[in-house]
Amino acid sequence: LLFDWDGTLINSLEIKISNAASIFHEILGLPQEKVAAAYRRHSGIPRQQLFTAICAENNHPPLDTLQYQSLSQRFSELNLTALTNPRTPGLVPEDTKAVLPVLRDFGHPMYVSSSAISEELHVIARAHGLEVYFQQILGSAPGFNKGIEHVEYVCRLQHASLDQILFIGDEPTDIMLGHQAGIRVIAKTGTYPAHKLVEYGADHIITSLETLPALINELV
């Protein structure tokens, strides 16, 4: 089982959108509402590509190396401050806390497959006691991104075929990347409504992670 992170296992997406809007305004002077809209449209891709897309939509020249590093560092700082705080309300949903132990006890190897930076994912997962449930937490890096590269890596580690892999995500990007990699995608509603996830071709739709064990038993 490959899980997306933001919006699937933890309710971090809106926090990240707000943080991005703040720093793009603070550092580049871009309108916060337009940055937020662009982030939402392109969410799910690696950070440098995401920031490039945000700039393009806001008619800002491409970022040079120092600009990107400044934005990325500030973005990481804000994210870690909010997303490691156990008092941040509603950050880790009850269905995440309930379902991960069940799936682990069923013997399903689980991985996180995210477009976020790996080091940040580990810090956040550890802060909320989630790290222990996963074989590995895979973030994106040049040449090793969510989608085909993560799937091929997990297949090699698990000696698994593509039809033995399920991806669980919450966005159209997750569906697209999963299908590009040749695996089935279970899409969780919340970030997007069910009809939009159907339009993008999700193989199965769930409204809560708590329905995953029964669905997975049917599929395997």
Foldseek 3Di string as FASTA:
>chain_A
DEEEDDPFFWPQLVQLLQQLLVLCCVPVVFHSVLLSVQCLVPPFAADLVSVQSSCVSRVHPRDDPVRSVVSVVSSLVSSLVQLLDPPNPRTGPPLSVPVLVVVVVVVDAYEYAGSYDQVSVVNSCVSVVNPVSHPYYDYDDVPAHRAQRVQVVVCVVVVHDQAVDEYEEADLSNCVRNVNNPHAYEHEYDSHHPVVNVVSPHPHYDPGSNCVVVVVVVSD
